[in-house]
Amino acid sequence: MSFGGPPDEVHQDKRIAAAVSLARLSIENPHKIADEDFEKLNSLFNREELSTLCSFIAFISGANKFSIIVGLSKGDLSTKNN
């Protein structure tokens, strides 16, 4: 996976696959995340890891929305020497 690109589609590691699945669900419709999803996640992650994963997903999602709201683009990320 490259920085800023779409995630890889297939993951051999069950934890990575579950984390990507949770991220996709949270983007598509967070209201569809069910107890069954967390049961699977709880079997793969401890509470601290799952809390960190959810926090990271929320932070990145919020940062992306903030960027859209204020109109940032890829060109704004380039460094300029003033």
N, C-alpha and C. Protein backbone atom coordinates (compact mmCIF):
# COMPACT_ATOMS: atom_id res chain seq x y z
N MET A 1 0.84 -1.18 0.00
CA MET A 1 0.00 0.00 0.00
C MET A 1 0.88 1.23 0.00
N SER A 2 0.56 2.17 -0.83
CA SER A 2 1.31 3.41 -0.86
C SER A 2 0.62 4.44 0.02
N PHE A 3 1.41 5.40 0.47
CA PHE A 3 0.86 6.46 1.32
C PHE A 3 -0.24 7.20 0.58
N GLY A 4 -1.38 7.30 1.20
CA GLY A 4 -2.48 8.07 0.62
C GLY A 4 -3.27 7.33 -0.43
N GLY A 5 -2.88 6.12 -0.75
CA GLY A 5 -3.60 5.36 -1.76
C GLY A 5 -4.65 4.46 -1.14
N PRO A 6 -5.39 3.76 -1.98
CA PRO A 6 -6.39 2.84 -1.44
C PRO A 6 -5.71 1.66 -0.75
N PRO A 7 -6.38 1.07 0.22
CA PRO A 7 -5.78 -0.07 0.91
C PRO A 7 -5.69 -1.29 -0.01
N ASP A 8 -4.75 -2.17 0.28
CA ASP A 8 -4.66 -3.43 -0.44
C ASP A 8 -5.98 -4.17 -0.27
N GLU A 9 -6.35 -4.94 -1.25
CA GLU A 9 -7.63 -5.64 -1.20
C GLU A 9 -7.58 -6.96 -0.43
N VAL A 10 -6.44 -7.64 -0.44
CA VAL A 10 -6.34 -8.95 0.21
C VAL A 10 -5.26 -8.88 1.28
N HIS A 11 -5.58 -9.40 2.46
CA HIS A 11 -4.63 -9.40 3.57
C HIS A 11 -4.54 -10.80 4.14
N GLN A 12 -3.32 -11.30 4.26
CA GLN A 12 -3.10 -12.62 4.82
C GLN A 12 -3.25 -12.61 6.34
N ASP A 13 -2.90 -11.50 6.95
CA ASP A 13 -2.97 -11.37 8.41
C ASP A 13 -4.41 -11.08 8.83
N LYS A 14 -4.97 -11.90 9.70
CA LYS A 14 -6.36 -11.74 10.12
C LYS A 14 -6.60 -10.42 10.84
N ARG A 15 -5.62 -9.96 11.61
CA ARG A 15 -5.78 -8.69 12.34
C ARG A 15 -5.84 -7.51 11.37
N ILE A 16 -4.97 -7.52 10.37
CA ILE A 16 -4.98 -6.43 9.40
C ILE A 16 -6.29 -6.47 8.60
N ALA A 17 -6.70 -7.64 8.19
CA ALA A 17 -7.97 -7.77 7.44
C ALA A 17 -9.14 -7.26 8.27
N ALA A 18 -9.17 -7.58 9.56
CA ALA A 18 -10.26 -7.13 10.43
C ALA A 18 -10.21 -5.62 10.62
N ALA A 19 -9.01 -5.06 10.77
CA ALA A 19 -8.87 -3.61 10.94
C ALA A 19 -9.34 -2.88 9.68
N VAL A 20 -8.96 -3.38 8.51
CA VAL A 20 -9.38 -2.75 7.25
C VAL A 20 -10.90 -2.87 7.10
N SER A 21 -11.44 -4.01 7.46
CA SER A 21 -12.89 -4.20 7.39
C SER A 21 -13.63 -3.20 8.28
N LEU A 22 -13.13 -3.01 9.50
CA LEU A 22 -13.74 -2.04 10.41
C LEU A 22 -13.64 -0.62 9.84
N ALA A 23 -12.49 -0.28 9.27
CA ALA A 23 -12.33 1.04 8.68
C ALA A 23 -13.31 1.25 7.53
N ARG A 24 -13.45 0.24 6.69
CA ARG A 24 -14.40 0.35 5.56
C ARG A 24 -15.83 0.51 6.06
N LEU A 25 -16.21 -0.30 7.05
CA LEU A 25 -17.56 -0.19 7.61
C LEU A 25 -17.80 1.20 8.19
N SER A 26 -16.79 1.74 8.86
CA SER A 26 -16.95 3.04 9.50
C SER A 26 -17.10 4.15 8.47
N ILE A 27 -16.53 3.96 7.30
CA ILE A 27 -16.65 4.96 6.23
C ILE A 27 -17.97 4.79 5.50
N GLU A 28 -18.32 3.56 5.17
CA GLU A 28 -19.53 3.29 4.39
C GLU A 28 -20.80 3.63 5.19
N ASN A 29 -20.89 3.11 6.40
CA ASN A 29 -22.04 3.39 7.26
C ASN A 29 -21.73 2.92 8.67
N PRO A 30 -21.25 3.82 9.51
CA PRO A 30 -20.88 3.40 10.87
C PRO A 30 -22.05 2.84 11.68
N HIS A 31 -23.27 3.13 11.27
CA HIS A 31 -24.44 2.62 11.98
C HIS A 31 -24.63 1.12 11.74
N LYS A 32 -23.95 0.59 10.72
CA LYS A 32 -24.07 -0.84 10.42
C LYS A 32 -23.06 -1.69 11.20
N ILE A 33 -22.19 -1.06 11.97
CA ILE A 33 -21.25 -1.82 12.79
C ILE A 33 -22.05 -2.45 13.93
N ALA A 34 -22.03 -3.77 13.97
CA ALA A 34 -22.88 -4.50 14.91
C ALA A 34 -22.06 -5.16 16.01
N ASP A 35 -22.76 -5.64 17.02
CA ASP A 35 -22.11 -6.35 18.12
C ASP A 35 -21.29 -7.53 17.59
N GLU A 36 -21.80 -8.20 16.56
CA GLU A 36 -21.10 -9.35 15.99
C GLU A 36 -19.73 -8.92 15.44
N ASP A 37 -19.65 -7.72 14.87
CA ASP A 37 -18.38 -7.21 14.37
C ASP A 37 -17.39 -7.05 15.51
N PHE A 38 -17.87 -6.54 16.64
CA PHE A 38 -16.99 -6.35 17.79
C PHE A 38 -16.64 -7.68 18.46
N GLU A 39 -17.51 -8.67 18.37
CA GLU A 39 -17.16 -9.99 18.90
C GLU A 39 -15.96 -10.56 18.15
N LYS A 40 -15.97 -10.41 16.83
CA LYS A 40 -14.83 -10.87 16.02
C LYS A 40 -13.59 -10.05 16.37
N LEU A 41 -13.74 -8.74 16.46
CA LEU A 41 -12.60 -7.88 16.78
C LEU A 41 -12.04 -8.19 18.16
N ASN A 42 -12.91 -8.48 19.12
CA ASN A 42 -12.46 -8.81 20.47
C ASN A 42 -11.68 -10.11 20.52
N SER A 43 -11.91 -10.97 19.54
CA SER A 43 -11.15 -12.23 19.51
C SER A 43 -9.76 -12.02 18.91
N LEU A 44 -9.56 -10.89 18.25
CA LEU A 44 -8.27 -10.61 17.59
C LEU A 44 -7.45 -9.53 18.28
N PHE A 45 -8.12 -8.63 19.00
CA PHE A 45 -7.45 -7.49 19.62
C PHE A 45 -7.82 -7.42 21.10
N ASN A 46 -6.89 -6.98 21.93
CA ASN A 46 -7.25 -6.73 23.32
C ASN A 46 -7.94 -5.36 23.39
N ARG A 47 -8.45 -5.00 24.55
CA ARG A 47 -9.23 -3.74 24.69
C ARG A 47 -8.42 -2.51 24.30
N GLU A 48 -7.18 -2.47 24.75
CA GLU A 48 -6.34 -1.31 24.44
C GLU A 48 -6.08 -1.19 22.95
N GLU A 49 -5.79 -2.32 22.30
CA GLU A 49 -5.55 -2.30 20.85
C GLU A 49 -6.80 -1.88 20.09
N LEU A 50 -7.94 -2.40 20.50
CA LEU A 50 -9.19 -2.07 19.82
C LEU A 50 -9.56 -0.61 20.03
N SER A 51 -9.34 -0.11 21.22
CA SER A 51 -9.58 1.30 21.49
C SER A 51 -8.68 2.19 20.63
N THR A 52 -7.41 1.81 20.53
CA THR A 52 -6.47 2.57 19.70
C THR A 52 -6.87 2.51 18.24
N LEU A 53 -7.27 1.34 17.77
CA LEU A 53 -7.70 1.19 16.37
C LEU A 53 -8.91 2.07 16.08
N CYS A 54 -9.91 2.04 16.94
CA CYS A 54 -11.11 2.87 16.74
C CYS A 54 -10.76 4.35 16.78
N SER A 55 -9.89 4.73 17.70
CA SER A 55 -9.47 6.13 17.80
C SER A 55 -8.74 6.57 16.54
N PHE A 56 -7.86 5.71 16.03
CA PHE A 56 -7.11 6.05 14.82
C PHE A 56 -8.03 6.20 13.63
N ILE A 57 -8.97 5.28 13.48
CA ILE A 57 -9.93 5.35 12.37
C ILE A 57 -10.73 6.65 12.46
N ALA A 58 -11.19 7.00 13.66
CA ALA A 58 -11.96 8.23 13.84
C ALA A 58 -11.11 9.46 13.56
N PHE A 59 -9.85 9.46 14.01
CA PHE A 59 -8.96 10.59 13.79
C PHE A 59 -8.71 10.81 12.29
N ILE A 60 -8.37 9.73 11.58
CA ILE A 60 -8.09 9.85 10.15
C ILE A 60 -9.34 10.28 9.40
N SER A 61 -10.47 9.72 9.75
CA SER A 61 -11.73 10.10 9.10
C SER A 61 -12.03 11.58 9.33
N GLY A 62 -11.85 12.02 10.57
CA GLY A 62 -12.08 13.43 10.89
C GLY A 62 -11.10 14.35 10.18
N ALA A 63 -9.84 13.94 10.11
CA ALA A 63 -8.83 14.75 9.42
C ALA A 63 -9.16 14.87 7.94
N ASN A 64 -9.62 13.77 7.35
CA ASN A 64 -10.00 13.81 5.93
C ASN A 64 -11.19 14.76 5.71
N LYS A 65 -12.17 14.68 6.58
CA LYS A 65 -13.33 15.56 6.44
C LYS A 65 -12.94 17.02 6.65
N PHE A 66 -12.06 17.27 7.62
CA PHE A 66 -11.58 18.62 7.84
C PHE A 66 -10.90 19.16 6.59
N SER A 67 -10.05 18.35 5.97
CA SER A 67 -9.35 18.76 4.75
C SER A 67 -10.33 19.11 3.64
N ILE A 68 -11.38 18.33 3.52
CA ILE A 68 -12.40 18.61 2.49
C ILE A 68 -13.11 19.92 2.80
N ILE A 69 -13.49 20.11 4.06
CA ILE A 69 -14.23 21.31 4.46
C ILE A 69 -13.44 22.58 4.18
N VAL A 70 -12.14 22.56 4.50
CA VAL A 70 -11.34 23.78 4.32
C VAL A 70 -10.70 23.85 2.94
N GLY A 71 -10.94 22.86 2.10
CA GLY A 71 -10.50 22.91 0.72
C GLY A 71 -9.03 22.60 0.48
N LEU A 72 -8.42 21.79 1.34
CA LEU A 72 -7.03 21.41 1.11
C LEU A 72 -6.94 20.45 -0.07
N SER A 73 -5.83 20.51 -0.78
CA SER A 73 -5.60 19.60 -1.89
C SER A 73 -4.19 19.04 -1.79
N LYS A 74 -3.85 18.09 -2.65
CA LYS A 74 -2.51 17.50 -2.64
C LYS A 74 -1.44 18.56 -2.84
N GLY A 75 -1.73 19.57 -3.63
CA GLY A 75 -0.77 20.64 -3.87
C GLY A 75 -0.43 21.41 -2.60
N ASP A 76 -1.34 21.44 -1.66
CA ASP A 76 -1.10 22.14 -0.39
C ASP A 76 -0.09 21.40 0.48
N LEU A 77 0.15 20.13 0.18
CA LEU A 77 1.06 19.33 0.99
C LEU A 77 2.51 19.52 0.60
N SER A 78 2.78 20.09 -0.55
CA SER A 78 4.17 20.27 -0.96
C SER A 78 4.82 21.34 -0.12
N THR A 79 6.08 21.13 0.17
CA THR A 79 6.82 22.08 0.99
C THR A 79 7.40 23.16 0.10
N LYS A 80 7.30 24.37 0.59
CA LYS A 80 7.80 25.53 -0.15
C LYS A 80 8.78 26.27 0.74
N ASN A 81 9.90 26.63 0.19
CA ASN A 81 10.87 27.43 0.93
C ASN A 81 10.56 28.90 0.73
N ASN A 82 10.29 29.58 1.79
CA ASN A 82 9.97 31.00 1.71
C ASN A 82 11.16 31.83 2.14
